[in-house]
Protein backbone atom coordinates (compact mmCIF):
# COMPACT_ATOMS: atom_id res chain seq x y z
CA UNK A 1 -103.38 198.80 43.83
CA UNK A 2 -100.35 196.66 44.63
CA UNK A 3 -98.68 197.39 41.29
CA UNK A 4 -98.66 201.16 41.76
CA UNK A 5 -95.47 202.52 40.14
CA UNK A 6 -94.55 205.14 42.74
CA UNK A 7 -91.49 205.80 40.58
CA UNK A 8 -93.00 206.41 37.16
CA UNK A 9 -89.97 206.27 34.85
CA UNK A 10 -89.93 202.60 34.02
CA UNK A 11 -91.13 199.78 31.77
CA UNK A 12 -94.79 199.95 32.85
CA UNK A 13 -95.01 203.58 31.78
CA UNK A 14 -93.31 202.81 28.46
CA UNK A 15 -95.62 199.85 27.89
CA UNK A 16 -98.69 202.00 28.50
CA UNK A 17 -97.43 204.66 26.10
CA UNK A 18 -96.87 202.05 23.39
CA UNK A 19 -100.25 200.46 24.00
CA UNK A 20 -102.19 203.72 23.88
CA UNK A 21 -100.44 204.67 20.64
CA UNK A 22 -100.91 201.27 19.01
CA UNK A 23 -104.52 200.63 19.93
CA UNK A 24 -106.41 197.53 21.12
CA UNK A 25 -107.11 194.17 19.52
CA UNK A 26 -109.73 194.88 16.85
CA UNK A 27 -111.19 191.36 16.77
CA UNK A 28 -114.98 191.78 17.08
CA UNK A 29 -116.31 189.68 19.98
CA UNK A 30 -118.90 186.99 19.28
CA UNK A 31 -119.84 185.95 22.76
CA UNK A 32 -123.24 184.41 22.14
CA UNK A 33 -124.19 185.23 25.75
CA UNK A 34 -126.98 187.66 26.55
CA UNK A 35 -126.11 189.93 29.53
CA UNK A 36 -129.77 190.85 29.99
CA UNK A 37 -130.47 187.26 31.05
CA UNK A 38 -127.69 187.14 33.64
CA UNK A 39 -128.72 186.59 37.26
CA UNK A 40 -126.83 189.07 39.43
CA UNK A 41 -126.36 188.99 43.20
CA UNK A 42 -124.46 191.50 45.33
CA UNK A 43 -122.39 190.38 48.31
CA UNK A 44 -121.32 192.98 50.90
CA UNK A 45 -118.58 191.92 53.34
CA UNK A 46 -118.72 194.35 56.29
CA UNK A 47 -117.02 194.81 59.64
CA UNK A 48 -118.10 197.74 61.84
CA UNK A 49 -119.50 199.75 58.94
CA UNK A 50 -122.53 201.38 60.59
CA UNK A 51 -121.31 204.78 59.32
CA UNK A 52 -121.05 203.57 55.72
CA UNK A 53 -123.50 200.75 55.08
CA UNK A 54 -126.45 203.04 54.31
CA UNK A 55 -124.48 204.68 51.51
CA UNK A 56 -123.62 201.29 50.02
CA UNK A 57 -127.23 200.05 50.10
CA UNK A 58 -128.62 203.32 48.77
CA UNK A 59 -126.25 203.19 45.80
CA UNK A 60 -127.37 199.64 45.00
CA UNK A 61 -131.04 200.66 45.09
CA UNK A 62 -130.35 203.41 42.52
CA UNK A 63 -128.77 201.05 40.01
CA UNK A 64 -130.28 200.77 36.54
CA UNK A 65 -129.76 197.01 36.87
CA UNK A 66 -130.95 196.03 40.33
CA UNK A 67 -129.60 192.73 41.62
CA UNK A 68 -131.83 189.80 42.38
CA UNK A 69 -130.54 189.60 45.94
CA UNK A 70 -128.19 191.48 48.28
CA UNK A 71 -126.31 189.44 50.89
CA UNK A 72 -124.72 191.38 53.74
CA UNK A 73 -122.13 189.32 55.61
CA UNK A 74 -121.50 190.98 58.98
CA UNK A 75 -118.08 189.65 59.93
CA UNK A 76 -118.43 189.90 63.70
CA UNK A 77 -119.18 193.63 63.98
CA UNK A 78 -119.37 195.17 67.44
CA UNK A 79 -121.53 198.05 66.23
CA UNK A 80 -125.02 198.15 64.69
CA UNK A 81 -124.06 197.49 61.07
CA UNK A 82 -126.53 194.61 60.64
CA UNK A 83 -129.41 196.42 62.41
CA UNK A 84 -129.00 199.56 60.32
CA UNK A 85 -128.77 197.52 57.13
CA UNK A 86 -131.98 195.59 57.87
CA UNK A 87 -133.94 198.75 58.67
CA UNK A 88 -132.81 200.60 55.58
CA UNK A 89 -133.01 197.54 53.33
CA UNK A 90 -136.69 197.15 54.20
CA UNK A 91 -137.28 200.84 53.43
CA UNK A 92 -135.57 200.45 50.05
CA UNK A 93 -137.48 197.31 49.15
CA UNK A 94 -134.27 195.36 48.61
CA UNK A 95 -134.25 191.59 48.90
CA UNK A 96 -131.64 191.77 51.65
CA UNK A 97 -130.27 188.77 53.50
CA UNK A 98 -128.11 189.44 56.56
CA UNK A 99 -125.61 186.86 57.78
CA UNK A 100 -124.01 187.60 61.16
CA UNK A 101 -120.84 185.99 62.45
CA UNK A 102 -119.92 185.90 66.10
CA UNK A 103 -116.26 186.73 65.42
CA UNK A 104 -114.35 188.05 62.39
CA UNK A 105 -112.87 185.44 60.07
CA UNK A 106 -112.04 187.61 57.05
CA UNK A 107 -113.31 188.45 53.60
CA UNK A 108 -112.04 185.36 51.78
CA UNK A 109 -114.45 182.88 53.47
CA UNK A 110 -117.30 185.19 52.46
CA UNK A 111 -116.35 185.12 48.81
CA UNK A 112 -115.84 181.35 48.91
CA UNK A 113 -119.13 180.58 50.66
CA UNK A 114 -121.25 182.75 48.40
CA UNK A 115 -119.57 181.51 45.21
CA UNK A 116 -120.59 177.99 46.21
CA UNK A 117 -124.01 178.58 47.70
CA UNK A 118 -125.44 181.17 45.32
CA UNK A 119 -126.76 180.20 41.91
CA UNK A 120 -126.22 183.60 40.30
CA UNK A 121 -124.28 184.01 37.07
CA UNK A 122 -122.52 187.15 38.32
CA UNK A 123 -121.36 187.82 41.86
CA UNK A 124 -120.73 191.49 42.59
CA UNK A 125 -118.52 192.11 45.62
CA UNK A 126 -119.06 195.54 47.20
CA UNK A 127 -117.13 196.44 50.34
CA UNK A 128 -119.18 197.91 53.18
CA UNK A 129 -117.22 201.19 53.07
CA UNK A 130 -117.76 201.69 49.32
CA UNK A 131 -120.68 203.13 47.35
CA UNK A 132 -121.42 203.09 43.61
CA UNK A 133 -121.11 206.58 42.17
CA UNK A 134 -122.38 205.67 38.70
CA UNK A 135 -126.00 204.57 38.61
CA UNK A 136 -125.27 202.18 35.72
CA UNK A 137 -122.21 200.67 37.43
CA UNK A 138 -123.54 197.10 37.76
CA UNK A 139 -125.19 197.19 34.34
CA UNK A 140 -121.96 198.22 32.62
CA UNK A 141 -119.88 195.62 34.47
CA UNK A 142 -122.27 192.82 33.51
CA UNK A 143 -122.47 194.06 29.93
CA UNK A 144 -118.67 194.00 29.53
CA UNK A 145 -118.28 190.78 31.49
CA UNK A 146 -120.48 189.00 28.95
CA UNK A 147 -118.66 190.25 25.86
CA UNK A 148 -116.32 187.26 25.97
CA UNK A 149 -116.09 183.97 27.89
CA UNK A 150 -112.47 184.75 28.74
CA UNK A 151 -113.39 187.72 30.95
CA UNK A 152 -113.47 186.60 34.57
CA UNK A 153 -113.81 189.89 36.44
CA UNK A 154 -114.75 193.49 35.78
CA UNK A 155 -114.44 196.66 37.82
CA UNK A 156 -114.74 200.40 37.32
CA UNK A 157 -112.64 203.39 38.35
CA UNK A 158 -112.13 203.71 42.12
CA UNK A 159 -111.61 207.08 43.79
CA UNK A 160 -111.43 208.12 47.46
CA UNK A 161 -114.74 208.95 49.15
CA UNK A 162 -114.20 212.53 50.28
CA UNK A 163 -116.41 214.22 52.84
CA UNK A 164 -118.23 216.17 50.13
CA UNK A 165 -118.85 212.96 48.16
CA UNK A 166 -120.42 211.33 51.20
CA UNK A 167 -122.50 214.44 51.86
CA UNK A 168 -123.76 214.52 48.26
CA UNK A 169 -124.63 210.82 48.44
CA UNK A 170 -126.67 211.45 51.60
CA UNK A 171 -128.70 214.06 49.70
CA UNK A 172 -129.99 211.55 47.17
CA UNK A 173 -133.46 210.09 47.63
CA UNK A 174 -134.52 207.88 49.31
CA UNK A 175 -131.56 208.12 51.69
CA UNK A 176 -132.28 211.77 52.46
CA UNK A 177 -135.90 211.03 53.40
CA UNK A 178 -134.87 208.03 55.46
CA UNK A 179 -132.30 209.99 57.45
CA UNK A 180 -134.85 212.75 58.13
CA UNK A 181 -137.05 210.25 59.95
CA UNK A 182 -134.20 208.23 61.48
CA UNK A 183 -131.85 210.84 62.87
CA UNK A 184 -130.07 208.27 65.00
CA UNK A 185 -128.85 206.53 61.81
CA UNK A 186 -127.29 209.63 60.28
CA UNK A 187 -123.51 209.30 59.76
CA UNK A 188 -121.69 210.99 62.61
CA UNK A 189 -119.21 213.78 61.80
CA UNK A 190 -115.55 212.92 62.16
CA UNK A 191 -113.22 214.73 64.53
CA UNK A 192 -110.86 217.40 63.25
CA UNK A 193 -107.92 215.01 63.58
CA UNK A 194 -109.75 212.29 61.62
CA UNK A 195 -110.72 214.73 58.87
CA UNK A 196 -107.14 216.01 58.60
CA UNK A 197 -105.61 212.53 58.43
CA UNK A 198 -108.13 211.34 55.88
CA UNK A 199 -107.71 214.50 53.80
CA UNK A 200 -103.99 213.72 53.44
CA UNK A 201 -104.76 210.17 52.36
CA UNK A 202 -107.48 211.29 49.93
CA UNK A 203 -105.18 213.85 48.35
CA UNK A 204 -102.37 211.33 47.91
CA UNK A 205 -104.57 208.45 46.78
CA UNK A 206 -106.69 210.59 44.45
CA UNK A 207 -103.64 211.59 42.41
CA UNK A 208 -102.09 208.15 42.53
CA UNK A 209 -105.33 206.41 41.52
CA UNK A 210 -105.75 208.78 38.58
CA UNK A 211 -102.26 208.02 37.30
CA UNK A 212 -102.58 204.29 37.87
CA UNK A 213 -106.09 203.74 36.50
CA UNK A 214 -106.35 206.38 33.80
CA UNK A 215 -102.90 205.69 32.39
CA UNK A 216 -101.14 202.48 33.56
CA UNK A 217 -104.22 200.23 33.77
CA UNK A 218 -105.71 201.81 30.67
CA UNK A 219 -102.51 201.03 28.76
CA UNK A 220 -102.49 197.43 30.03
CA UNK A 221 -106.08 197.03 28.89
CA UNK A 222 -105.15 198.19 25.40
CA UNK A 223 -102.08 195.96 25.09
CA UNK A 224 -103.29 192.81 26.86
CA UNK A 225 -107.05 193.27 27.28
CA UNK A 226 -106.56 192.86 31.01
CA UNK A 227 -105.16 194.34 34.19
CA UNK A 228 -103.23 192.26 36.73
CA UNK A 229 -106.00 192.18 39.32
CA UNK A 230 -109.41 193.79 39.80
CA UNK A 231 -109.81 196.62 42.26
CA UNK A 232 -111.51 194.51 44.90
CA UNK A 233 -113.79 197.00 46.65
CA UNK A 234 -116.38 196.89 43.83
CA UNK A 235 -115.87 194.07 41.36
CA UNK A 236 -118.09 191.69 39.39
CA UNK A 237 -116.97 188.09 38.97
CA UNK A 238 -118.27 185.26 36.86
CA UNK A 239 -119.41 183.15 39.78
CA UNK A 240 -118.51 179.80 38.25
CA UNK A 241 -114.91 180.93 37.67
CA UNK A 242 -114.69 182.12 41.27
CA UNK A 243 -116.08 178.81 42.54
CA UNK A 244 -113.60 176.82 40.45
CA UNK A 245 -110.79 178.92 41.87
CA UNK A 246 -111.74 178.23 45.49
CA UNK A 247 -112.34 174.53 44.80
CA UNK A 248 -108.78 174.25 43.48
CA UNK A 249 -106.85 176.42 45.94
CA UNK A 250 -108.66 175.69 49.22
CA UNK A 251 -106.98 172.27 49.66
CA UNK A 252 -103.60 173.95 49.04
CA UNK A 253 -103.83 177.28 50.90
CA UNK A 254 -107.09 177.14 52.82
CA UNK A 255 -108.68 180.57 53.16
CA UNK A 256 -105.34 182.32 53.54
CA UNK A 257 -104.98 183.67 50.01
CA UNK A 258 -102.10 186.07 50.77
CA UNK A 259 -102.58 189.44 52.47
CA UNK A 260 -105.07 190.71 49.89
CA UNK A 261 -107.50 188.23 48.35
CA UNK A 262 -108.36 190.32 45.27
CA UNK A 263 -104.69 190.38 44.21
CA UNK A 264 -104.39 186.61 44.57
CA UNK A 265 -107.68 186.09 42.70
CA UNK A 266 -106.49 188.34 39.88
CA UNK A 267 -103.27 186.35 39.51
CA UNK A 268 -105.17 183.06 39.65
CA UNK A 269 -107.52 184.18 36.86
CA UNK A 270 -104.58 185.22 34.68
CA UNK A 271 -102.93 181.88 35.39
CA UNK A 272 -105.98 180.16 33.88
CA UNK A 273 -105.84 182.39 30.80
CA UNK A 274 -108.80 184.56 31.81
CA UNK A 275 -108.84 188.36 31.88
CA UNK A 276 -109.55 191.01 34.52
CA UNK A 277 -110.92 194.15 32.91
CA UNK A 278 -111.44 197.71 34.10
CA UNK A 279 -114.01 200.11 32.66
CA UNK A 280 -113.15 203.79 32.36
CA UNK A 281 -116.72 205.11 32.15
CA UNK A 282 -118.13 204.09 35.56
CA UNK A 283 -116.82 204.80 39.05
CA UNK A 284 -117.15 204.10 42.76
CA UNK A 285 -116.07 205.93 45.92
CA UNK A 286 -114.28 204.04 48.66
CA UNK A 287 -113.45 205.21 52.18
CA UNK A 288 -109.68 205.44 52.55
CA UNK A 289 -107.83 204.74 55.82
CA UNK A 290 -106.60 207.62 57.91
CA UNK A 291 -103.04 208.66 57.17
CA UNK A 292 -101.40 206.86 60.17
CA UNK A 293 -102.94 203.57 58.96
CA UNK A 294 -101.84 204.03 55.37
CA UNK A 295 -98.62 202.08 55.85
CA UNK A 296 -100.56 199.09 57.15
CA UNK A 297 -102.62 198.94 53.95
CA UNK A 298 -99.57 199.49 51.75
CA UNK A 299 -97.91 196.52 53.45
CA UNK A 300 -100.92 194.30 52.73
CA UNK A 301 -100.98 195.25 49.05
CA UNK A 302 -97.24 195.06 48.50
CA UNK A 303 -96.72 191.79 50.35
CA UNK A 304 -99.69 190.19 48.59
CA UNK A 305 -98.26 191.11 45.19
CA UNK A 306 -94.88 189.61 46.05
CA UNK A 307 -96.47 186.48 47.51
CA UNK A 308 -98.65 186.06 44.41
CA UNK A 309 -95.55 186.36 42.20
CA UNK A 310 -94.06 183.49 44.21
CA UNK A 311 -97.15 181.28 43.87
CA UNK A 312 -97.69 182.06 40.18
CA UNK A 313 -94.11 182.02 38.97
CA UNK A 314 -95.25 180.75 35.58
CA UNK A 315 -96.74 184.17 34.95
CA UNK A 316 -93.66 185.93 36.27
CA UNK A 317 -91.39 183.99 33.90
CA UNK A 318 -93.52 184.67 30.81
CA UNK A 319 -90.99 187.02 29.15
CA UNK A 320 -88.42 184.21 29.15
CA UNK A 321 -90.85 181.92 27.33
CA UNK A 322 -91.55 184.35 24.50
CA UNK A 323 -89.71 182.34 21.82
CA UNK A 324 -91.50 179.15 22.81
CA UNK A 325 -94.83 181.01 22.73
CA UNK A 326 -94.00 182.46 19.28
CA UNK A 327 -93.19 179.01 17.86
CA UNK A 328 -96.40 177.58 19.30
CA UNK A 329 -98.39 180.42 17.73
CA UNK A 330 -96.77 179.85 14.32
CA UNK A 331 -97.48 176.12 14.51
CA UNK A 332 -101.12 176.82 15.35
CA UNK A 333 -101.35 179.24 12.43
CA UNK A 334 -99.87 176.67 10.05
CA UNK A 335 -102.31 174.03 11.33
CA UNK A 336 -105.27 176.35 10.72
CA UNK A 337 -104.10 177.03 7.16
CA UNK A 338 -103.70 173.34 6.33
CA UNK A 339 -106.86 172.20 8.15
CA UNK A 340 -109.63 174.64 7.12
CA UNK A 341 -112.32 172.28 8.45
CA UNK A 342 -110.80 172.13 11.93
CA UNK A 343 -113.16 172.81 14.88
CA UNK A 344 -110.84 175.70 15.75
CA UNK A 345 -112.40 177.66 12.88
CA UNK A 346 -115.89 177.13 14.22
CA UNK A 347 -115.31 178.54 17.69
CA UNK A 348 -116.45 182.08 18.39
CA UNK A 349 -113.86 184.80 17.98
CA UNK A 350 -112.73 186.72 21.02
CA UNK A 351 -110.29 189.64 21.37
CA UNK A 352 -107.02 188.64 23.06
CA UNK A 353 -108.00 184.97 22.71
CA UNK A 354 -105.54 182.49 24.21
CA UNK A 355 -105.71 178.86 25.34
CA UNK A 356 -107.02 178.35 28.85
CA UNK A 357 -105.49 176.26 31.60
CA UNK A 358 -102.58 176.32 34.04
CA UNK A 359 -100.64 173.85 31.90
CA UNK A 360 -100.40 176.39 29.07
CA UNK A 361 -99.18 179.05 31.51
CA UNK A 362 -96.51 176.77 32.92
CA UNK A 363 -95.20 175.84 29.48
CA UNK A 364 -95.67 179.01 27.44
CA UNK A 365 -96.42 181.78 29.93
CA UNK A 366 -98.97 184.48 29.15
CA UNK A 367 -98.74 187.81 27.31
CA UNK A 368 -100.06 189.46 30.50
CA UNK A 369 -97.06 187.96 32.26
CA UNK A 370 -95.04 190.82 30.80
CA UNK A 371 -97.01 193.28 32.94
CA UNK A 372 -96.50 191.08 36.01
CA UNK A 373 -92.75 190.83 35.35
CA UNK A 374 -92.38 194.57 34.78
CA UNK A 375 -94.34 195.42 37.92
CA UNK A 376 -92.18 193.02 39.97
CA UNK A 377 -89.02 194.47 38.46
CA UNK A 378 -90.11 198.01 39.29
CA UNK A 379 -91.18 197.09 42.79
CA UNK A 380 -87.75 195.66 43.59
CA UNK A 381 -85.40 197.76 41.46
CA UNK A 382 -86.73 201.26 42.13
CA UNK A 383 -86.54 201.26 45.95
CA UNK A 384 -83.14 199.55 45.72
CA UNK A 385 -81.80 202.18 43.32
CA UNK A 386 -83.12 205.00 45.50
CA UNK A 387 -81.52 203.53 48.62
CA UNK A 388 -78.17 203.06 46.85
CA UNK A 389 -78.14 206.69 45.71
CA UNK A 390 -78.97 207.86 49.23
CA UNK A 391 -76.39 205.63 50.93
CA UNK A 392 -73.62 206.54 48.47
CA UNK A 393 -74.65 210.22 48.59
CA UNK A 394 -75.05 210.39 44.83
CA UNK A 395 -76.83 213.73 45.04
CA UNK A 396 -76.44 214.83 41.42
CA UNK A 397 -77.88 211.64 39.86
CA UNK A 398 -80.58 211.68 42.52
CA UNK A 399 -81.56 215.27 41.69
CA UNK A 400 -81.60 214.61 37.94
CA UNK A 401 -83.72 211.50 38.47
CA UNK A 402 -86.06 213.35 40.79
CA UNK A 403 -86.62 216.24 38.34
CA UNK A 404 -87.06 214.00 35.29
CA UNK A 405 -89.45 211.71 37.10
CA UNK A 406 -91.52 214.57 38.53
CA UNK A 407 -91.74 216.20 35.09
CA UNK A 408 -93.16 213.01 33.61
CA UNK A 409 -95.72 212.75 36.42
CA UNK A 410 -96.83 216.35 35.80
CA UNK A 411 -97.26 215.73 32.06
CA UNK A 412 -99.27 212.53 32.54
CA UNK A 413 -101.53 213.98 35.25
CA UNK A 414 -102.18 217.17 33.29
CA UNK A 415 -103.04 215.12 30.19
CA UNK A 416 -105.60 213.17 32.24
CA UNK A 417 -107.17 216.23 33.86
CA UNK A 418 -108.87 218.25 31.09
CA UNK A 419 -110.28 221.45 32.52
CA UNK A 420 -108.19 221.10 35.70
CA UNK A 421 -104.65 221.10 34.31
CA UNK A 422 -103.40 224.01 36.43
CA UNK A 423 -104.57 222.27 39.61
CA UNK A 424 -103.08 218.95 38.39
CA UNK A 425 -99.72 220.68 37.93
CA UNK A 426 -99.48 221.77 41.55
CA UNK A 427 -100.96 218.54 42.87
CA UNK A 428 -98.29 216.52 41.03
CA UNK A 429 -95.59 218.57 42.75
CA UNK A 430 -97.20 218.47 46.19
CA UNK A 431 -97.68 214.68 46.15
CA UNK A 432 -94.05 213.92 45.30
CA UNK A 433 -92.78 213.63 48.93
CA UNK A 434 -95.57 211.16 49.71
CA UNK A 435 -94.75 209.07 46.65
CA UNK A 436 -91.08 208.88 47.56
CA UNK A 437 -91.96 208.04 51.15
CA UNK A 438 -94.09 205.14 49.89
CA UNK A 439 -91.21 204.02 47.71
CA UNK A 440 -88.88 203.80 50.70
CA UNK A 441 -91.58 202.03 52.72
CA UNK A 442 -91.81 199.45 49.93
CA UNK A 443 -88.11 198.73 50.41
CA UNK A 444 -88.95 197.57 53.96
CA UNK A 445 -91.69 195.28 52.62
CA UNK A 446 -89.29 193.79 50.08
CA UNK A 447 -86.72 193.13 52.79
CA UNK A 448 -89.31 191.44 54.97
CA UNK A 449 -90.49 189.24 52.11
CA UNK A 450 -86.92 188.31 51.12
CA UNK A 451 -86.16 187.37 54.73
CA UNK A 452 -89.21 185.10 54.90
CA UNK A 453 -88.43 183.54 51.53
CA UNK A 454 -84.69 182.88 51.71
CA UNK A 455 -83.48 183.28 55.30
CA UNK A 456 -86.14 182.10 57.76
CA UNK A 457 -87.94 180.12 55.01
CA UNK A 458 -91.16 180.98 56.78
CA UNK A 459 -93.95 180.02 54.38
CA UNK A 460 -96.55 181.15 56.90
CA UNK A 461 -95.92 184.74 55.85
CA UNK A 462 -99.53 185.30 54.81
CA UNK A 463 -101.56 187.59 57.05
């Protein structure tokens, strides 16, 4: 969620409006790949998730497309995550493999190891604190992933896991029966302070995620057939693309793929000409951090986005290569018209088709680079503008901006909340202070990144 436009009046909002009005690429896909024959494995990276791992495993067991194998990688937990998972996995009849590490080394080595050692076609990454709300979640991701060779990753809608969501999930068989006979494994209730802090985060994130995924990401999907990066808590990758990525970048960066590996992976896939898609009809629930820890996560997301812009500057500069890209497209069109027997005519059609390879990105950029550029522009310009207005005490422009921006948020949220528009109205108003607080916090992240990049020249900024 690193590209969240906390300040919604901007180019990303305009782009989404245009995209939703214009409609998607109508080229019918001719993939030639059968999703029903795909071998699917699920990998669960987990660290001290004994209170959540049963929900994750139970949701996998309920899937309409059950994976061939589930691999739980316990990244040095000090609790009983692995023990609980083994016990419940046996009860569910899952083919569960548990890998235990003595000390935490991070999520990236898990993704790298499994992409190389597994022989599955699709690798589904499910965080240990996340459960699949839709019973056809994996099936839909695989189905869409196989609609075109250019699709590298697929995810669904992510929403906060509220207490009532967790309670409802515990009431589904066979988890309910299992907990009745294993009372010691039942999730423990949180303290009043924990519930209060998480309620604030869930309220804020629920509204923000709705705006981002139901509007901004949806608009990007229509215009470009892709989003910048998959939402990494529950995403399906084409395993061979993931393996190729690690084989290329490990000698350069090791396992330190910025502060958030899913953001880096998303950029890397775009840099190759692949797409990261999001489905609007399936969803997951993910446990959000308590409110005091929210800034820590925001720093990881924001810094990873800025770092990825630095590493993949060819994407960032795409708008400045538009004329070159247009000329190349016209030359290709002329070649096709004068060479009707060219092999280009015999390849399968694919929506949003573009040449693959980093060389093409470096020379011509990518259409999706527009979204990257706009997100970077917003991330830097909006906090800067807000700080300038505050420092110069420009209260009238600040008030006008505040009211106009809040009005747009209300309209968008109400439009995406049929049946709950009155509640969406008040929620949009109530969340405004948190959004502006996040905007100011982003200014600190930008300053830290700029210091590392141009002053200290510290390229060990990752992690």
